[in-house]
C-alpha atoms as a PDB file:
ATOM      1  CA  MET A   1     204.452  18.015  79.914  1.00  0.00           C
ATOM      2  CA  THR A   2     201.520  15.708  79.272  1.00  0.00           C
ATOM      3  CA  ASP A   3     200.856  12.502  81.222  1.00  0.00           C
ATOM      4  CA  LEU A   4     199.726  10.957  77.943  1.00  0.00           C
ATOM      5  CA  VAL A   5     201.882   9.487  75.212  1.00  0.00           C
ATOM      6  CA  GLN A   6     200.853  11.212  71.998  1.00  0.00           C
ATOM      7  CA  VAL A   7     201.936   9.920  68.597  1.00  0.00           C
ATOM      8  CA  GLU A   8     201.298  12.513  65.909  1.00  0.00           C
ATOM      9  CA  ARG A   9     201.566  11.629  62.215  1.00  0.00           C
ATOM     10  CA  VAL A  10     204.663   9.506  62.795  1.00  0.00           C
ATOM     11  CA  THR A  11     206.406   8.074  59.734  1.00  0.00           C
ATOM     12  CA  ALA A  12     209.530   5.912  60.002  1.00  0.00           C
ATOM     13  CA  TYR A  13     211.749   3.856  57.710  1.00  0.00           C
ATOM     14  CA  HIS A  14     214.059   0.873  57.918  1.00  0.00           C
ATOM     15  CA  GLY A  15     216.673   1.938  55.406  1.00  0.00           C
ATOM     16  CA  THR A  16     214.593   2.776  52.359  1.00  0.00           C
ATOM     17  CA  VAL A  17     211.608   0.641  53.392  1.00  0.00           C
ATOM     18  CA  LEU A  18     208.591   2.484  54.770  1.00  0.00           C
ATOM     19  CA  ALA A  19     207.784   0.809  58.092  1.00  0.00           C
ATOM     20  CA  VAL A  20     205.365   3.233  59.780  1.00  0.00           C
ATOM     21  CA  ASP A  21     203.139   5.512  57.724  1.00  0.00           C
ATOM     22  CA  ALA A  22     201.595   8.621  59.336  1.00  0.00           C
ATOM     23  CA  VAL A  23     200.428   6.894  62.519  1.00  0.00           C
ATOM     24  CA  ASP A  24     198.379   8.803  65.096  1.00  0.00           C
ATOM     25  CA  ALA A  25     197.704   7.384  68.548  1.00  0.00           C
ATOM     26  CA  VAL A  26     197.217   8.443  72.147  1.00  0.00           C
ATOM     27  CA  PHE A  27     198.078   6.170  75.075  1.00  0.00           C
ATOM     28  CA  ALA A  28     196.671   7.068  78.487  1.00  0.00           C
ATOM     29  CA  PRO A  29     198.154   6.513  81.943  1.00  0.00           C
ATOM     30  CA  GLY A  30     196.635   3.700  83.952  1.00  0.00           C
ATOM     31  CA  THR A  31     195.783   1.627  80.884  1.00  0.00           C
ATOM     32  CA  VAL A  32     197.172  -1.367  79.014  1.00  0.00           C
ATOM     33  CA  THR A  33     197.167  -1.019  75.220  1.00  0.00           C
ATOM     34  CA  VAL A  34     198.013  -3.896  72.906  1.00  0.00           C
ATOM     35  CA  VAL A  35     199.500  -3.265  69.470  1.00  0.00           C
ATOM     36  CA  THR A  36     198.557  -5.958  66.972  1.00  0.00           C
ATOM     37  CA  GLY A  37     199.111  -6.726  63.310  1.00  0.00           C
ATOM     38  CA  GLY A  38     200.788  -9.191  61.011  1.00  0.00           C
ATOM     39  CA  ASN A  39     204.512  -9.602  60.448  1.00  0.00           C
ATOM     40  CA  GLY A  40     205.926  -6.494  58.812  1.00  0.00           C
ATOM     41  CA  SER A  41     202.986  -4.333  59.840  1.00  0.00           C
ATOM     42  CA  GLY A  42     205.199  -1.848  61.684  1.00  0.00           C
ATOM     43  CA  LYS A  43     204.458  -2.836  65.288  1.00  0.00           C
ATOM     44  CA  SER A  44     208.026  -3.092  66.531  1.00  0.00           C
ATOM     45  CA  THR A  45     209.161  -0.010  64.636  1.00  0.00           C
ATOM     46  CA  MET A  46     206.361   2.091  66.051  1.00  0.00           C
ATOM     47  CA  LEU A  47     207.167   0.945  69.576  1.00  0.00           C
ATOM     48  CA  ALA A  48     210.850   1.763  69.040  1.00  0.00           C
ATOM     49  CA  VAL A  49     209.936   5.242  67.784  1.00  0.00           C
ATOM     50  CA  VAL A  50     207.755   5.820  70.841  1.00  0.00           C
ATOM     51  CA  ALA A  51     210.654   4.623  73.018  1.00  0.00           C
ATOM     52  CA  GLY A  52     212.977   7.088  71.307  1.00  0.00           C
ATOM     53  CA  VAL A  53     215.444   4.486  70.051  1.00  0.00           C
ATOM     54  CA  HIS A  54     214.383   4.678  66.381  1.00  0.00           C
ATOM     55  CA  GLN A  55     214.368   7.978  64.530  1.00  0.00           C
ATOM     56  CA  ALA A  56     211.102   9.064  62.959  1.00  0.00           C
ATOM     57  CA  ALA A  57     211.310  10.562  59.481  1.00  0.00           C
ATOM     58  CA  ALA A  58     208.271  12.745  60.163  1.00  0.00           C
ATOM     59  CA  GLY A  59     205.817  13.515  62.931  1.00  0.00           C
ATOM     60  CA  ARG A  60     206.511  13.635  66.634  1.00  0.00           C
ATOM     61  CA  VAL A  61     206.013  11.769  69.894  1.00  0.00           C
ATOM     62  CA  LEU A  62     205.119  13.561  73.121  1.00  0.00           C
ATOM     63  CA  ARG A  63     206.040  11.674  76.271  1.00  0.00           C
ATOM     64  CA  PRO A  64     205.625  12.339  80.003  1.00  0.00           C
ATOM     65  CA  ALA A  65     208.566  13.645  81.984  1.00  0.00           C
ATOM     66  CA  GLY A  66     210.425  10.769  83.591  1.00  0.00           C
ATOM     67  CA  GLY A  67     211.330   8.809  80.498  1.00  0.00           C
ATOM     68  CA  VAL A  68     210.344   5.487  79.007  1.00  0.00           C
ATOM     69  CA  ALA A  69     211.188   1.924  80.044  1.00  0.00           C
ATOM     70  CA  PHE A  70     211.508  -0.296  76.969  1.00  0.00           C
ATOM     71  CA  VAL A  71     211.762  -4.081  76.835  1.00  0.00           C
ATOM     72  CA  ARG A  72     212.927  -5.196  73.404  1.00  0.00           C
ATOM     73  CA  GLN A  73     211.674  -8.318  71.712  1.00  0.00           C
ATOM     74  CA  SER A  74     214.797 -10.467  71.664  1.00  0.00           C
ATOM     75  CA  TRP A  75     217.233 -11.728  74.264  1.00  0.00           C
ATOM     76  CA  SER A  76     220.748 -12.593  73.092  1.00  0.00           C
ATOM     77  CA  ALA A  77     221.347 -15.945  74.765  1.00  0.00           C
ATOM     78  CA  GLU A  78     224.480 -16.454  72.667  1.00  0.00           C
ATOM     79  CA  ARG A  79     226.241 -13.584  74.450  1.00  0.00           C
ATOM     80  CA  PRO A  80     225.215 -13.802  78.099  1.00  0.00           C
ATOM     81  CA  LEU A  81     226.462 -11.090  80.416  1.00  0.00           C
ATOM     82  CA  PRO A  82     228.409 -12.103  83.548  1.00  0.00           C
ATOM     83  CA  LEU A  83     225.742 -10.737  85.884  1.00  0.00           C
ATOM     84  CA  THR A  84     223.565 -11.972  88.678  1.00  0.00           C
ATOM     85  CA  VAL A  85     219.828 -11.452  88.458  1.00  0.00           C
ATOM     86  CA  ARG A  86     220.011  -8.666  91.053  1.00  0.00           C
ATOM     87  CA  SER A  87     222.806  -6.909  89.168  1.00  0.00           C
ATOM     88  CA  ALA A  88     220.855  -7.103  85.906  1.00  0.00           C
ATOM     89  CA  VAL A  89     217.700  -5.706  87.496  1.00  0.00           C
ATOM     90  CA  ALA A  90     219.741  -2.998  89.242  1.00  0.00           C
ATOM     91  CA  MET A  91     220.803  -1.711  85.826  1.00  0.00           C
ATOM     92  CA  GLY A  92     217.308  -0.271  85.665  1.00  0.00           C
ATOM     93  CA  ARG A  93     218.463   2.373  88.157  1.00  0.00           C
ATOM     94  CA  TRP A  94     221.321   3.556  85.925  1.00  0.00           C
ATOM     95  CA  ARG A  95     219.226   6.227  84.232  1.00  0.00           C
ATOM     96  CA  ASP A  96     218.787   8.008  87.559  1.00  0.00           C
ATOM     97  CA  ARG A  97     222.096   7.139  89.226  1.00  0.00           C
ATOM     98  CA  GLY A  98     224.523   6.491  86.369  1.00  0.00           C
ATOM     99  CA  PRO A  99     226.387   3.194  85.828  1.00  0.00           C
ATOM    100  CA  TRP A 100     229.143   3.903  88.329  1.00  0.00           C
ATOM    101  CA  ALA A 101     227.267   5.476  91.227  1.00  0.00           C
ATOM    102  CA  ARG A 102     226.576   3.464  94.344  1.00  0.00           C
ATOM    103  CA  LEU A 103     222.915   2.635  94.695  1.00  0.00           C
ATOM    104  CA  ARG A 104     221.116   4.238  97.603  1.00  0.00           C
ATOM    105  CA  ALA A 105     218.775   2.449  99.980  1.00  0.00           C
ATOM    106  CA  ASP A 106     215.700   3.537  98.019  1.00  0.00           C
ATOM    107  CA  ASP A 107     217.262   2.228  94.800  1.00  0.00           C
ATOM    108  CA  ARG A 108     217.914  -1.145  96.385  1.00  0.00           C
ATOM    109  CA  THR A 109     214.326  -1.222  97.606  1.00  0.00           C
ATOM    110  CA  LEU A 110     213.033  -0.594  94.077  1.00  0.00           C
ATOM    111  CA  VAL A 111     215.254  -3.373  92.718  1.00  0.00           C
ATOM    112  CA  THR A 112     213.960  -5.818  95.325  1.00  0.00           C
ATOM    113  CA  GLU A 113     210.367  -4.811  94.635  1.00  0.00           C
ATOM    114  CA  ALA A 114     210.834  -5.310  90.888  1.00  0.00           C
ATOM    115  CA  MET A 115     212.334  -8.779  91.400  1.00  0.00           C
ATOM    116  CA  THR A 116     209.523  -9.725  93.756  1.00  0.00           C
ATOM    117  CA  GLN A 117     206.927  -8.465  91.275  1.00  0.00           C
ATOM    118  CA  LEU A 118     208.348 -10.883  88.659  1.00  0.00           C
ATOM    119  CA  GLY A 119     208.856 -13.794  91.062  1.00  0.00           C
ATOM    120  CA  LEU A 120     212.654 -13.568  90.990  1.00  0.00           C
ATOM    121  CA  ALA A 121     213.507 -12.784  94.614  1.00  0.00           C
ATOM    122  CA  ASP A 122     214.742 -16.334  95.266  1.00  0.00           C
ATOM    123  CA  LEU A 123     216.969 -16.145  92.167  1.00  0.00           C
ATOM    124  CA  ALA A 124     218.636 -12.824  93.039  1.00  0.00           C
ATOM    125  CA  ARG A 125     222.139 -14.315  93.285  1.00  0.00           C
ATOM    126  CA  ARG A 126     221.735 -16.698  90.362  1.00  0.00           C
ATOM    127  CA  PRO A 127     223.929 -15.931  87.313  1.00  0.00           C
ATOM    128  CA  LEU A 128     221.810 -14.501  84.536  1.00  0.00           C
ATOM    129  CA  ASP A 129     223.198 -16.945  81.994  1.00  0.00           C
ATOM    130  CA  ALA A 130     222.114 -19.885  84.192  1.00  0.00           C
ATOM    131  CA  LEU A 131     218.438 -18.975  83.905  1.00  0.00           C
ATOM    132  CA  SER A 132     215.843 -20.414  81.580  1.00  0.00           C
ATOM    133  CA  GLY A 133     214.574 -18.270  78.726  1.00  0.00           C
ATOM    134  CA  GLY A 134     211.405 -17.405  80.622  1.00  0.00           C
ATOM    135  CA  GLN A 135     213.349 -16.443  83.736  1.00  0.00           C
ATOM    136  CA  ARG A 136     215.674 -14.218  81.720  1.00  0.00           C
ATOM    137  CA  GLN A 137     212.704 -12.489  80.136  1.00  0.00           C
ATOM    138  CA  ARG A 138     211.233 -11.899  83.571  1.00  0.00           C
ATOM    139  CA  ALA A 139     214.558 -10.365  84.629  1.00  0.00           C
ATOM    140  CA  LEU A 140     214.455  -7.976  81.678  1.00  0.00           C
ATOM    141  CA  VAL A 141     210.919  -6.912  82.561  1.00  0.00           C
ATOM    142  CA  ALA A 142     211.989  -6.466  86.202  1.00  0.00           C
ATOM    143  CA  GLN A 143     214.876  -4.281  85.022  1.00  0.00           C
ATOM    144  CA  ALA A 144     212.362  -2.078  83.190  1.00  0.00           C
ATOM    145  CA  LEU A 145     210.100  -1.903  86.239  1.00  0.00           C
ATOM    146  CA  ALA A 146     213.039  -0.845  88.415  1.00  0.00           C
ATOM    147  CA  GLN A 147     213.317   2.323  86.320  1.00  0.00           C
ATOM    148  CA  ARG A 148     209.978   3.519  87.733  1.00  0.00           C
ATOM    149  CA  ALA A 149     209.284   5.281  84.441  1.00  0.00           C
ATOM    150  CA  PRO A 150     205.802   6.639  83.700  1.00  0.00           C
ATOM    151  CA  VAL A 151     205.759   4.705  80.401  1.00  0.00           C
ATOM    152  CA  LEU A 152     206.391   0.961  79.966  1.00  0.00           C
ATOM    153  CA  LEU A 153     206.775  -0.373  76.423  1.00  0.00           C
ATOM    154  CA  LEU A 154     207.230  -4.089  75.741  1.00  0.00           C
ATOM    155  CA  ASP A 155     207.744  -5.765  72.376  1.00  0.00           C
ATOM    156  CA  GLU A 156     206.127  -9.230  72.541  1.00  0.00           C
ATOM    157  CA  PRO A 157     207.221  -9.755  76.152  1.00  0.00           C
ATOM    158  CA  THR A 158     205.597 -13.200  76.447  1.00  0.00           C
ATOM    159  CA  ALA A 159     206.564 -14.626  73.050  1.00  0.00           C
ATOM    160  CA  GLY A 160     208.202 -18.016  73.412  1.00  0.00           C
ATOM    161  CA  VAL A 161     208.175 -18.108  77.214  1.00  0.00           C
ATOM    162  CA  ASP A 162     206.716 -20.761  79.501  1.00  0.00           C
ATOM    163  CA  GLU A 163     203.331 -20.410  81.158  1.00  0.00           C
ATOM    164  CA  THR A 164     204.841 -19.433  84.505  1.00  0.00           C
ATOM    165  CA  ALA A 165     206.766 -16.551  82.958  1.00  0.00           C
ATOM    166  CA  ARG A 166     203.716 -15.507  80.973  1.00  0.00           C
ATOM    167  CA  ARG A 167     201.598 -15.191  84.131  1.00  0.00           C
ATOM    168  CA  TRP A 168     204.235 -13.202  86.004  1.00  0.00           C
ATOM    169  CA  ILE A 169     204.740 -10.801  83.106  1.00  0.00           C
ATOM    170  CA  GLU A 170     201.028 -10.318  82.458  1.00  0.00           C
ATOM    171  CA  ASP A 171     200.395  -9.680  86.158  1.00  0.00           C
ATOM    172  CA  ALA A 172     203.274  -7.182  86.267  1.00  0.00           C
ATOM    173  CA  MET A 173     201.907  -5.227  83.302  1.00  0.00           C
ATOM    174  CA  ALA A 174     198.461  -5.073  84.900  1.00  0.00           C
ATOM    175  CA  ALA A 175     199.961  -3.948  88.218  1.00  0.00           C
ATOM    176  CA  GLU A 176     201.932  -1.177  86.522  1.00  0.00           C
ATOM    177  CA  ALA A 177     198.779   0.082  84.842  1.00  0.00           C
ATOM    178  CA  ARG A 178     197.020   0.140  88.219  1.00  0.00           C
ATOM    179  CA  ARG A 179     199.943   2.242  89.479  1.00  0.00           C
ATOM    180  CA  GLY A 180     199.136   4.811  86.784  1.00  0.00           C
ATOM    181  CA  VAL A 181     201.767   3.843  84.219  1.00  0.00           C
ATOM    182  CA  VAL A 182     201.169   4.001  80.455  1.00  0.00           C
ATOM    183  CA  VAL A 183     201.589   0.349  79.413  1.00  0.00           C
ATOM    184  CA  VAL A 184     201.842  -0.556  75.717  1.00  0.00           C
ATOM    185  CA  HIS A 185     202.876  -3.969  74.442  1.00  0.00           C
ATOM    186  CA  VAL A 186     202.991  -5.791  71.146  1.00  0.00           C
ATOM    187  CA  THR A 187     201.264  -9.147  71.106  1.00  0.00           C
ATOM    188  CA  HIS A 188     199.765 -11.861  68.902  1.00  0.00           C
ATOM    189  CA  ASP A 189     197.977 -13.449  71.875  1.00  0.00           C
ATOM    190  CA  ALA A 190     194.179 -13.343  71.634  1.00  0.00           C
ATOM    191  CA  ASP A 191     193.713 -13.600  75.413  1.00  0.00           C
ATOM    192  CA  GLN A 192     195.957 -10.604  75.992  1.00  0.00           C
ATOM    193  CA  VAL A 193     193.991  -8.653  73.392  1.00  0.00           C
ATOM    194  CA  ARG A 194     190.739  -9.449  75.181  1.00  0.00           C
ATOM    195  CA  ARG A 195     192.104  -8.379  78.562  1.00  0.00           C
ATOM    196  CA  ALA A 196     193.652  -5.112  77.364  1.00  0.00           C
ATOM    197  CA  ASP A 197     191.970  -1.771  77.873  1.00  0.00           C
ATOM    198  CA  HIS A 198     192.695  -0.694  74.297  1.00  0.00           C
ATOM    199  CA  ARG A 199     193.913  -2.141  71.016  1.00  0.00           C
ATOM    200  CA  LEU A 200     195.795  -0.487  68.155  1.00  0.00           C
ATOM    201  CA  HIS A 201     195.862  -2.624  64.996  1.00  0.00           C
ATOM    202  CA  LEU A 202     198.414  -1.911  62.270  1.00  0.00           C
ATOM    203  CA  ALA A 203     198.597  -3.122  58.678  1.00  0.00           C
ATOM    204  CA  ALA A 204     201.370  -2.165  56.256  1.00  0.00           C
ATOM    205  CA  GLY A 205     202.528   0.552  58.618  1.00  0.00           C
ATOM    206  CA  ARG A 206     199.133   2.228  58.911  1.00  0.00           C
ATOM    207  CA  VAL A 207     196.440   2.215  61.553  1.00  0.00           C
ATOM    208  CA  ALA A 208     193.973  -0.370  60.284  1.00  0.00           C
ATOM    209  CA  GLU A 209     191.561   0.042  63.192  1.00  0.00           C
ATOM    210  CA  PRO A 210     191.261   3.202  65.300  1.00  0.00           C
ATOM    211  CA  LEU A 211     192.505   2.978  68.862  1.00  0.00           C
ATOM    212  CA  GLY A 212     189.593   1.730  70.883  1.00  0.00           C
ATOM    213  CA  GLY A 213     188.388  -0.424  73.715  1.00  0.00           C
ATOM    214  CA  ARG A 214     188.349  -4.181  73.888  1.00  0.00           C
END
């Protein structure tokens, strides 16, 4: 199994609408890649296909063993879950332990590390629905980090959050890349584009600019 994420001629639809059209891309471990493009360009769909939560109509995605951690774009504040921050982050260990298994000491350590990495350690016992939008987004990113997956995908993780949350999330993505993780995130932020190792630009579901450096 490769350490790379390889996207080979992937085509995907939303209903009858072509969303991603024969996209090729390779994402390397230890790098941060930004996916850019206008609204409707296929960014979110491509990320969902790479994550394995949206079925491709054609092509294939090769992923490293160990799975993918995926942070979706939206948070449903209208239907908050009755969880503490620690409990929400601990859900990131479910893939390895299952939802009903008791977490082991090493699992609890990973949960604590993920909360600390997103500046949430002091909020561990706070109800999730009592947090600000930026704090909730940080909790979702921490949940993904707790999975310790070799691939981290994030769909506009800093959209609409405060500056504090933005800094924590950006620092966490950079730290994961330094740890050897494949980090790919969708963004419209010019500063994030400049800081990324690579950029993939989409237009109308196609690669408008080849994957390249900053």
